Each structure stands twice: as structure tokens, then as C-alpha cells.
Amino acid sequence: MSIITKERVREHLEAWLNAELAVTTGQSYSIGSRQLTRANISEIRKQIDYWENRLKALELQDQGKKTSKRRIVGIIPRDF
């Protein structure tokens, strides 16, 4: 069982989506002599992809499906 629950993953995904929204409204701004620069949008999008994939994997796990597309096939050679 995974330590990270679907609820926790959803919280992280929501936080990164909010961060993306904040960055799109303004990458940086200044007030007087102070300046604020927000995070890199490409890094935020990577994190959104990561958490979306993590959520999908947990949902597939709950449905009893495998998260990996790899398949192991055993072959037994026989001489007839």
C-alpha cells in the first residue's frame, strides 16, 4: 500500500494548478524598490504532469489494474 493517498495527490495537484494560474497572471512585478519573480512555468507544468500521472496510477491501482504496460511471458521449449 502506498503511503501517499489519492487525497494527498489531489491536494498537491491542486496546489500546482493554483501556482500555474498565479504565474500566468504575472511572471514578475515590482512595488517600489522590491521585486517578486514567480517560479518557472515549465517546472510547474512538469509537476502538474507528475501529479496527474501519480493520480492516474493510484486510480488504476484501486480498480485492480496494473500501472505498468510491461508484460512477462514465460516460454517453455518442448521437443515433441
PDB file of N, CA and C in Angstrom:
ATOM      1  N   MET A   1       0.843  -1.184   0.000  1.00  0.00           N
ATOM      2  CA  MET A   1       0.000   0.000   0.000  1.00  0.00           C
ATOM      3  C   MET A   1       0.883   1.242   0.000  1.00  0.00           C
ATOM      4  N   SER A   2       0.490   2.207  -0.751  1.00  0.00           N
ATOM      5  CA  SER A   2       1.256   3.435  -0.885  1.00  0.00           C
ATOM      6  C   SER A   2       1.009   4.345   0.320  1.00  0.00           C
ATOM      7  N   ILE A   3       2.049   5.030   0.736  1.00  0.00           N
ATOM      8  CA  ILE A   3       1.929   5.986   1.837  1.00  0.00           C
ATOM      9  C   ILE A   3       1.167   7.223   1.378  1.00  0.00           C
ATOM     10  N   ILE A   4       1.333   7.563   0.118  1.00  0.00           N
ATOM     11  CA  ILE A   4       0.667   8.739  -0.434  1.00  0.00           C
ATOM     12  C   ILE A   4      -0.720   8.335  -0.929  1.00  0.00           C
ATOM     13  N   THR A   5      -1.734   8.976  -0.369  1.00  0.00           N
ATOM     14  CA  THR A   5      -3.118   8.663  -0.730  1.00  0.00           C
ATOM     15  C   THR A   5      -3.579   9.505  -1.910  1.00  0.00           C
ATOM     16  N   LYS A   6      -4.700   9.096  -2.484  1.00  0.00           N
ATOM     17  CA  LYS A   6      -5.259   9.867  -3.605  1.00  0.00           C
ATOM     18  C   LYS A   6      -5.626  11.276  -3.161  1.00  0.00           C
ATOM     19  N   GLU A   7      -6.113  11.418  -1.941  1.00  0.00           N
ATOM     20  CA  GLU A   7      -6.486  12.743  -1.446  1.00  0.00           C
ATOM     21  C   GLU A   7      -5.260  13.651  -1.367  1.00  0.00           C
ATOM     22  N   ARG A   8      -4.158  13.082  -0.899  1.00  0.00           N
ATOM     23  CA  ARG A   8      -2.913  13.852  -0.797  1.00  0.00           C
ATOM     24  C   ARG A   8      -2.401  14.254  -2.186  1.00  0.00           C
ATOM     25  N   VAL A   9      -2.490  13.330  -3.129  1.00  0.00           N
ATOM     26  CA  VAL A   9      -2.068  13.608  -4.504  1.00  0.00           C
ATOM     27  C   VAL A   9      -2.939  14.701  -5.104  1.00  0.00           C
ATOM     28  N   ARG A  10      -4.238  14.636  -4.836  1.00  0.00           N
ATOM     29  CA  ARG A  10      -5.146  15.676  -5.343  1.00  0.00           C
ATOM     30  C   ARG A  10      -4.800  17.043  -4.754  1.00  0.00           C
ATOM     31  N   GLU A  11      -4.413  17.072  -3.472  1.00  0.00           N
ATOM     32  CA  GLU A  11      -4.004  18.338  -2.842  1.00  0.00           C
ATOM     33  C   GLU A  11      -2.782  18.925  -3.544  1.00  0.00           C
ATOM     34  N   HIS A  12      -1.801  18.074  -3.814  1.00  0.00           N
ATOM     35  CA  HIS A  12      -0.593  18.541  -4.494  1.00  0.00           C
ATOM     36  C   HIS A  12      -0.924  19.024  -5.908  1.00  0.00           C
ATOM     37  N   LEU A  13      -1.729  18.257  -6.610  1.00  0.00           N
ATOM     38  CA  LEU A  13      -2.116  18.645  -7.970  1.00  0.00           C
ATOM     39  C   LEU A  13      -2.842  19.982  -7.955  1.00  0.00           C
ATOM     40  N   GLU A  14      -3.751  20.162  -7.028  1.00  0.00           N
ATOM     41  CA  GLU A  14      -4.492  21.424  -6.911  1.00  0.00           C
ATOM     42  C   GLU A  14      -3.549  22.591  -6.612  1.00  0.00           C
ATOM     43  N   ALA A  15      -2.569  22.356  -5.750  1.00  0.00           N
ATOM     44  CA  ALA A  15      -1.599  23.407  -5.421  1.00  0.00           C
ATOM     45  C   ALA A  15      -0.792  23.816  -6.649  1.00  0.00           C
ATOM     46  N   TRP A  16      -0.358  22.833  -7.449  1.00  0.00           N
ATOM     47  CA  TRP A  16       0.420  23.155  -8.647  1.00  0.00           C
ATOM     48  C   TRP A  16      -0.445  23.829  -9.704  1.00  0.00           C
ATOM     49  N   LEU A  17      -1.709  23.444  -9.788  1.00  0.00           N
ATOM     50  CA  LEU A  17      -2.609  24.124 -10.726  1.00  0.00           C
ATOM     51  C   LEU A  17      -2.819  25.573 -10.297  1.00  0.00           C
ATOM     52  N   ASN A  18      -2.932  25.809  -9.002  1.00  0.00           N
ATOM     53  CA  ASN A  18      -3.055  27.182  -8.497  1.00  0.00           C
ATOM     54  C   ASN A  18      -1.784  27.979  -8.767  1.00  0.00           C
ATOM     55  N   ALA A  19      -0.639  27.328  -8.639  1.00  0.00           N
ATOM     56  CA  ALA A  19       0.634  28.003  -8.921  1.00  0.00           C
ATOM     57  C   ALA A  19       0.714  28.406 -10.390  1.00  0.00           C
ATOM     58  N   GLU A  20       0.264  27.499 -11.269  1.00  0.00           N
ATOM     59  CA  GLU A  20       0.266  27.815 -12.697  1.00  0.00           C
ATOM     60  C   GLU A  20      -0.628  29.017 -12.976  1.00  0.00           C
ATOM     61  N   LEU A  21      -1.773  29.042 -12.340  1.00  0.00           N
ATOM     62  CA  LEU A  21      -2.709  30.156 -12.512  1.00  0.00           C
ATOM     63  C   LEU A  21      -2.082  31.466 -12.023  1.00  0.00           C
ATOM     64  N   ALA A  22      -1.390  31.413 -10.906  1.00  0.00           N
ATOM     65  CA  ALA A  22      -0.747  32.620 -10.370  1.00  0.00           C
ATOM     66  C   ALA A  22       0.352  33.125 -11.294  1.00  0.00           C
ATOM     67  N   VAL A  23       1.115  32.213 -11.870  1.00  0.00           N
ATOM     68  CA  VAL A  23       2.203  32.609 -12.761  1.00  0.00           C
ATOM     69  C   VAL A  23       1.658  33.210 -14.052  1.00  0.00           C
ATOM     70  N   THR A  24       0.556  32.680 -14.546  1.00  0.00           N
ATOM     71  CA  THR A  24       0.009  33.195 -15.806  1.00  0.00           C
ATOM     72  C   THR A  24      -0.547  34.605 -15.662  1.00  0.00           C
ATOM     73  N   THR A  25      -0.862  35.017 -14.436  1.00  0.00           N
ATOM     74  CA  THR A  25      -1.376  36.371 -14.250  1.00  0.00           C
ATOM     75  C   THR A  25      -0.260  37.397 -14.182  1.00  0.00           C
ATOM     76  N   GLY A  26       0.967  36.940 -14.019  1.00  0.00           N
ATOM     77  CA  GLY A  26       2.108  37.860 -13.997  1.00  0.00           C
ATOM     78  C   GLY A  26       3.352  37.146 -13.515  1.00  0.00           C
ATOM     79  N   GLN A  27       4.355  37.085 -14.356  1.00  0.00           N
ATOM     80  CA  GLN A  27       5.582  36.373 -14.007  1.00  0.00           C
ATOM     81  C   GLN A  27       6.378  37.116 -12.937  1.00  0.00           C
ATOM     82  N   SER A  28       6.430  38.426 -13.032  1.00  0.00           N
ATOM     83  CA  SER A  28       7.137  39.195 -12.010  1.00  0.00           C
ATOM     84  C   SER A  28       6.527  40.598 -11.918  1.00  0.00           C
ATOM     85  N   TYR A  29       6.716  41.203 -10.774  1.00  0.00           N
ATOM     86  CA  TYR A  29       6.244  42.572 -10.612  1.00  0.00           C
ATOM     87  C   TYR A  29       7.068  43.279  -9.547  1.00  0.00           C
ATOM     88  N   SER A  30       6.983  44.599  -9.544  1.00  0.00           N
ATOM     89  CA  SER A  30       7.748  45.405  -8.596  1.00  0.00           C
ATOM     90  C   SER A  30       6.820  46.330  -7.833  1.00  0.00           C
ATOM     91  N   ILE A  31       7.157  46.520  -6.572  1.00  0.00           N
ATOM     92  CA  ILE A  31       6.474  47.506  -5.739  1.00  0.00           C
ATOM     93  C   ILE A  31       7.577  48.332  -5.098  1.00  0.00           C
ATOM     94  N   GLY A  32       7.693  49.546  -5.531  1.00  0.00           N
ATOM     95  CA  GLY A  32       8.770  50.396  -5.035  1.00  0.00           C
ATOM     96  C   GLY A  32      10.121  49.814  -5.419  1.00  0.00           C
ATOM     97  N   SER A  33      10.964  49.584  -4.425  1.00  0.00           N
ATOM     98  CA  SER A  33      12.291  49.030  -4.703  1.00  0.00           C
ATOM     99  C   SER A  33      12.304  47.501  -4.604  1.00  0.00           C
ATOM    100  N   ARG A  34      11.190  46.907  -4.266  1.00  0.00           N
ATOM    101  CA  ARG A  34      11.122  45.453  -4.114  1.00  0.00           C
ATOM    102  C   ARG A  34      10.602  44.804  -5.383  1.00  0.00           C
ATOM    103  N   GLN A  35      11.113  43.610  -5.679  1.00  0.00           N
ATOM    104  CA  GLN A  35      10.691  42.888  -6.874  1.00  0.00           C
ATOM    105  C   GLN A  35      10.414  41.429  -6.520  1.00  0.00           C
ATOM    106  N   LEU A  36       9.349  40.877  -7.083  1.00  0.00           N
ATOM    107  CA  LEU A  36       8.985  39.474  -6.880  1.00  0.00           C
ATOM    108  C   LEU A  36       8.968  38.781  -8.232  1.00  0.00           C
ATOM    109  N   THR A  37       9.665  37.673  -8.333  1.00  0.00           N
ATOM    110  CA  THR A  37       9.649  36.861  -9.544  1.00  0.00           C
ATOM    111  C   THR A  37       9.097  35.500  -9.187  1.00  0.00           C
ATOM    112  N   ARG A  38       8.088  35.085  -9.909  1.00  0.00           N
ATOM    113  CA  ARG A  38       7.449  33.794  -9.633  1.00  0.00           C
ATOM    114  C   ARG A  38       8.254  32.650 -10.237  1.00  0.00           C
ATOM    115  N   ALA A  39       7.832  31.447  -9.929  1.00  0.00           N
ATOM    116  CA  ALA A  39       8.527  30.234 -10.375  1.00  0.00           C
ATOM    117  C   ALA A  39       8.453  30.058 -11.892  1.00  0.00           C
ATOM    118  N   ASN A  40       9.294  29.183 -12.378  1.00  0.00           N
ATOM    119  CA  ASN A  40       9.383  28.871 -13.797  1.00  0.00           C
ATOM    120  C   ASN A  40       8.144  28.067 -14.235  1.00  0.00           C
ATOM    121  N   ILE A  41       7.436  28.525 -15.247  1.00  0.00           N
ATOM    122  CA  ILE A  41       6.208  27.872 -15.703  1.00  0.00           C
ATOM    123  C   ILE A  41       6.467  26.465 -16.219  1.00  0.00           C
ATOM    124  N   SER A  42       7.609  26.226 -16.847  1.00  0.00           N
ATOM    125  CA  SER A  42       7.877  24.875 -17.358  1.00  0.00           C
ATOM    126  C   SER A  42       8.060  23.886 -16.207  1.00  0.00           C
ATOM    127  N   GLU A  43       8.663  24.319 -15.127  1.00  0.00           N
ATOM    128  CA  GLU A  43       8.817  23.445 -13.961  1.00  0.00           C
ATOM    129  C   GLU A  43       7.462  23.161 -13.321  1.00  0.00           C
ATOM    130  N   ILE A  44       6.610  24.144 -13.284  1.00  0.00           N
ATOM    131  CA  ILE A  44       5.260  23.959 -12.739  1.00  0.00           C
ATOM    132  C   ILE A  44       4.495  22.950 -13.587  1.00  0.00           C
ATOM    133  N   ARG A  45       4.598  23.051 -14.890  1.00  0.00           N
ATOM    134  CA  ARG A  45       3.895  22.115 -15.776  1.00  0.00           C
ATOM    135  C   ARG A  45       4.439  20.694 -15.643  1.00  0.00           C
ATOM    136  N   LYS A  46       5.732  20.551 -15.412  1.00  0.00           N
ATOM    137  CA  LYS A  46       6.307  19.222 -15.170  1.00  0.00           C
ATOM    138  C   LYS A  46       5.715  18.614 -13.906  1.00  0.00           C
ATOM    139  N   GLN A  47       5.571  19.449 -12.884  1.00  0.00           N
ATOM    140  CA  GLN A  47       4.995  18.962 -11.631  1.00  0.00           C
ATOM    141  C   GLN A  47       3.522  18.597 -11.795  1.00  0.00           C
ATOM    142  N   ILE A  48       2.795  19.368 -12.583  1.00  0.00           N
ATOM    143  CA  ILE A  48       1.390  19.048 -12.848  1.00  0.00           C
ATOM    144  C   ILE A  48       1.297  17.706 -13.552  1.00  0.00           C
ATOM    145  N   ASP A  49       2.133  17.475 -14.559  1.00  0.00           N
ATOM    146  CA  ASP A  49       2.152  16.184 -15.257  1.00  0.00           C
ATOM    147  C   ASP A  49       2.484  15.045 -14.296  1.00  0.00           C
ATOM    148  N   TYR A  50       3.464  15.272 -13.427  1.00  0.00           N
ATOM    149  CA  TYR A  50       3.869  14.251 -12.465  1.00  0.00           C
ATOM    150  C   TYR A  50       2.696  13.859 -11.565  1.00  0.00           C
ATOM    151  N   TRP A  51       2.028  14.861 -10.985  1.00  0.00           N
ATOM    152  CA  TRP A  51       0.949  14.571 -10.047  1.00  0.00           C
ATOM    153  C   TRP A  51      -0.278  14.006 -10.753  1.00  0.00           C
ATOM    154  N   GLU A  52      -0.536  14.414 -12.004  1.00  0.00           N
ATOM    155  CA  GLU A  52      -1.633  13.813 -12.764  1.00  0.00           C
ATOM    156  C   GLU A  52      -1.358  12.331 -13.013  1.00  0.00           C
ATOM    157  N   ASN A  53      -0.128  12.015 -13.394  1.00  0.00           N
ATOM    158  CA  ASN A  53       0.239  10.616 -13.631  1.00  0.00           C
ATOM    159  C   ASN A  53       0.179   9.798 -12.345  1.00  0.00           C
ATOM    160  N   ARG A  54       0.600  10.396 -11.250  1.00  0.00           N
ATOM    161  CA  ARG A  54       0.538   9.700  -9.963  1.00  0.00           C
ATOM    162  C   ARG A  54      -0.900   9.405  -9.575  1.00  0.00           C
ATOM    163  N   LEU A  55      -1.810  10.360  -9.821  1.00  0.00           N
ATOM    164  CA  LEU A  55      -3.222  10.161  -9.512  1.00  0.00           C
ATOM    165  C   LEU A  55      -3.819   9.068 -10.394  1.00  0.00           C
ATOM    166  N   LYS A  56      -3.493   9.082 -11.690  1.00  0.00           N
ATOM    167  CA  LYS A  56      -3.983   8.045 -12.592  1.00  0.00           C
ATOM    168  C   LYS A  56      -3.507   6.664 -12.158  1.00  0.00           C
ATOM    169  N   ALA A  57      -2.246   6.565 -11.737  1.00  0.00           N
ATOM    170  CA  ALA A  57      -1.704   5.285 -11.293  1.00  0.00           C
ATOM    171  C   ALA A  57      -2.433   4.773 -10.057  1.00  0.00           C
ATOM    172  N   LEU A  58      -2.724   5.664  -9.112  1.00  0.00           N
ATOM    173  CA  LEU A  58      -3.452   5.260  -7.911  1.00  0.00           C
ATOM    174  C   LEU A  58      -4.882   4.836  -8.240  1.00  0.00           C
ATOM    175  N   GLU A  59      -5.515   5.538  -9.177  1.00  0.00           N
ATOM    176  CA  GLU A  59      -6.877   5.172  -9.579  1.00  0.00           C
ATOM    177  C   GLU A  59      -6.895   3.814 -10.276  1.00  0.00           C
ATOM    178  N   LEU A  60      -5.909   3.547 -11.114  1.00  0.00           N
ATOM    179  CA  LEU A  60      -5.810   2.239 -11.765  1.00  0.00           C
ATOM    180  C   LEU A  60      -5.551   1.149 -10.728  1.00  0.00           C
ATOM    181  N   GLN A  61      -4.742   1.457  -9.745  1.00  0.00           N
ATOM    182  CA  GLN A  61      -4.440   0.502  -8.687  1.00  0.00           C
ATOM    183  C   GLN A  61      -5.716   0.157  -7.919  1.00  0.00           C
ATOM    184  N   ASP A  62      -6.550   1.155  -7.656  1.00  0.00           N
ATOM    185  CA  ASP A  62      -7.821   0.916  -6.959  1.00  0.00           C
ATOM    186  C   ASP A  62      -8.763   0.052  -7.781  1.00  0.00           C
ATOM    187  N   GLN A  63      -8.678   0.167  -9.096  1.00  0.00           N
ATOM    188  CA  GLN A  63      -9.534  -0.621  -9.981  1.00  0.00           C
ATOM    189  C   GLN A  63      -8.985  -2.032 -10.186  1.00  0.00           C
ATOM    190  N   GLY A  64      -7.816  -2.293  -9.636  1.00  0.00           N
ATOM    191  CA  GLY A  64      -7.214  -3.607  -9.769  1.00  0.00           C
ATOM    192  C   GLY A  64      -6.415  -3.782 -11.034  1.00  0.00           C
ATOM    193  N   LYS A  65      -6.168  -2.712 -11.741  1.00  0.00           N
ATOM    194  CA  LYS A  65      -5.397  -2.787 -12.976  1.00  0.00           C
ATOM    195  C   LYS A  65      -3.937  -2.513 -12.678  1.00  0.00           C
ATOM    196  N   LYS A  66      -3.080  -3.053 -13.504  1.00  0.00           N
ATOM    197  CA  LYS A  66      -1.651  -2.828 -13.346  1.00  0.00           C
ATOM    198  C   LYS A  66      -1.293  -1.448 -13.866  1.00  0.00           C
ATOM    199  N   THR A  67      -0.326  -0.818 -13.207  1.00  0.00           N
ATOM    200  CA  THR A  67       0.108   0.507 -13.643  1.00  0.00           C
ATOM    201  C   THR A  67       1.202   0.415 -14.695  1.00  0.00           C
ATOM    202  N   SER A  68       1.764  -0.757 -14.873  1.00  0.00           N
ATOM    203  CA  SER A  68       2.841  -0.921 -15.845  1.00  0.00           C
ATOM    204  C   SER A  68       2.303  -1.587 -17.101  1.00  0.00           C
ATOM    205  N   LYS A  69       2.846  -1.204 -18.244  1.00  0.00           N
ATOM    206  CA  LYS A  69       2.430  -1.804 -19.508  1.00  0.00           C
ATOM    207  C   LYS A  69       3.326  -2.979 -19.878  1.00  0.00           C
ATOM    208  N   ARG A  70       4.306  -3.264 -19.038  1.00  0.00           N
ATOM    209  CA  ARG A  70       5.222  -4.357 -19.309  1.00  0.00           C
ATOM    210  C   ARG A  70       4.552  -5.685 -18.983  1.00  0.00           C
ATOM    211  N   ARG A  71       4.895  -6.665 -19.758  1.00  0.00           N
ATOM    212  CA  ARG A  71       4.340  -7.984 -19.560  1.00  0.00           C
ATOM    213  C   ARG A  71       5.455  -9.009 -19.620  1.00  0.00           C
ATOM    214  N   ILE A  72       5.427  -9.935 -18.696  1.00  0.00           N
ATOM    215  CA  ILE A  72       6.413 -11.003 -18.707  1.00  0.00           C
ATOM    216  C   ILE A  72       5.731 -12.250 -19.254  1.00  0.00           C
ATOM    217  N   VAL A  73       6.376 -12.844 -20.231  1.00  0.00           N
ATOM    218  CA  VAL A  73       5.835 -14.044 -20.856  1.00  0.00           C
ATOM    219  C   VAL A  73       6.850 -15.159 -20.682  1.00  0.00           C
ATOM    220  N   GLY A  74       6.385 -16.262 -20.161  1.00  0.00           N
ATOM    221  CA  GLY A  74       7.276 -17.405 -19.997  1.00  0.00           C
ATOM    222  C   GLY A  74       7.091 -18.382 -21.150  1.00  0.00           C
ATOM    223  N   ILE A  75       8.189 -18.875 -21.677  1.00  0.00           N
ATOM    224  CA  ILE A  75       8.146 -19.836 -22.773  1.00  0.00           C
ATOM    225  C   ILE A  75       8.894 -21.087 -22.321  1.00  0.00           C
ATOM    226  N   ILE A  76       8.225 -22.207 -22.481  1.00  0.00           N
ATOM    227  CA  ILE A  76       8.847 -23.483 -22.132  1.00  0.00           C
ATOM    228  C   ILE A  76       9.058 -24.257 -23.427  1.00  0.00           C
ATOM    229  N   PRO A  77      10.310 -24.417 -23.843  1.00  0.00           N
ATOM    230  CA  PRO A  77      10.559 -25.174 -25.075  1.00  0.00           C
ATOM    231  C   PRO A  77      10.336 -26.685 -24.835  1.00  0.00           C
ATOM    232  N   ARG A  78       9.639 -27.295 -25.755  1.00  0.00           N
ATOM    233  CA  ARG A  78       9.362 -28.735 -25.672  1.00  0.00           C
ATOM    234  C   ARG A  78       9.697 -29.390 -26.995  1.00  0.00           C
ATOM    235  N   ASP A  79      10.198 -30.571 -26.890  1.00  0.00           N
ATOM    236  CA  ASP A  79      10.544 -31.346 -28.065  1.00  0.00           C
ATOM    237  C   ASP A  79       9.506 -32.457 -28.222  1.00  0.00           C
ATOM    238  N   PHE A  80       8.674 -32.365 -29.231  1.00  0.00           N
ATOM    239  CA  PHE A  80       7.617 -33.359 -29.459  1.00  0.00           C
ATOM    240  C   PHE A  80       8.048 -34.375 -30.458  1.00  0.00           C
TER     241      PHE A  80
END
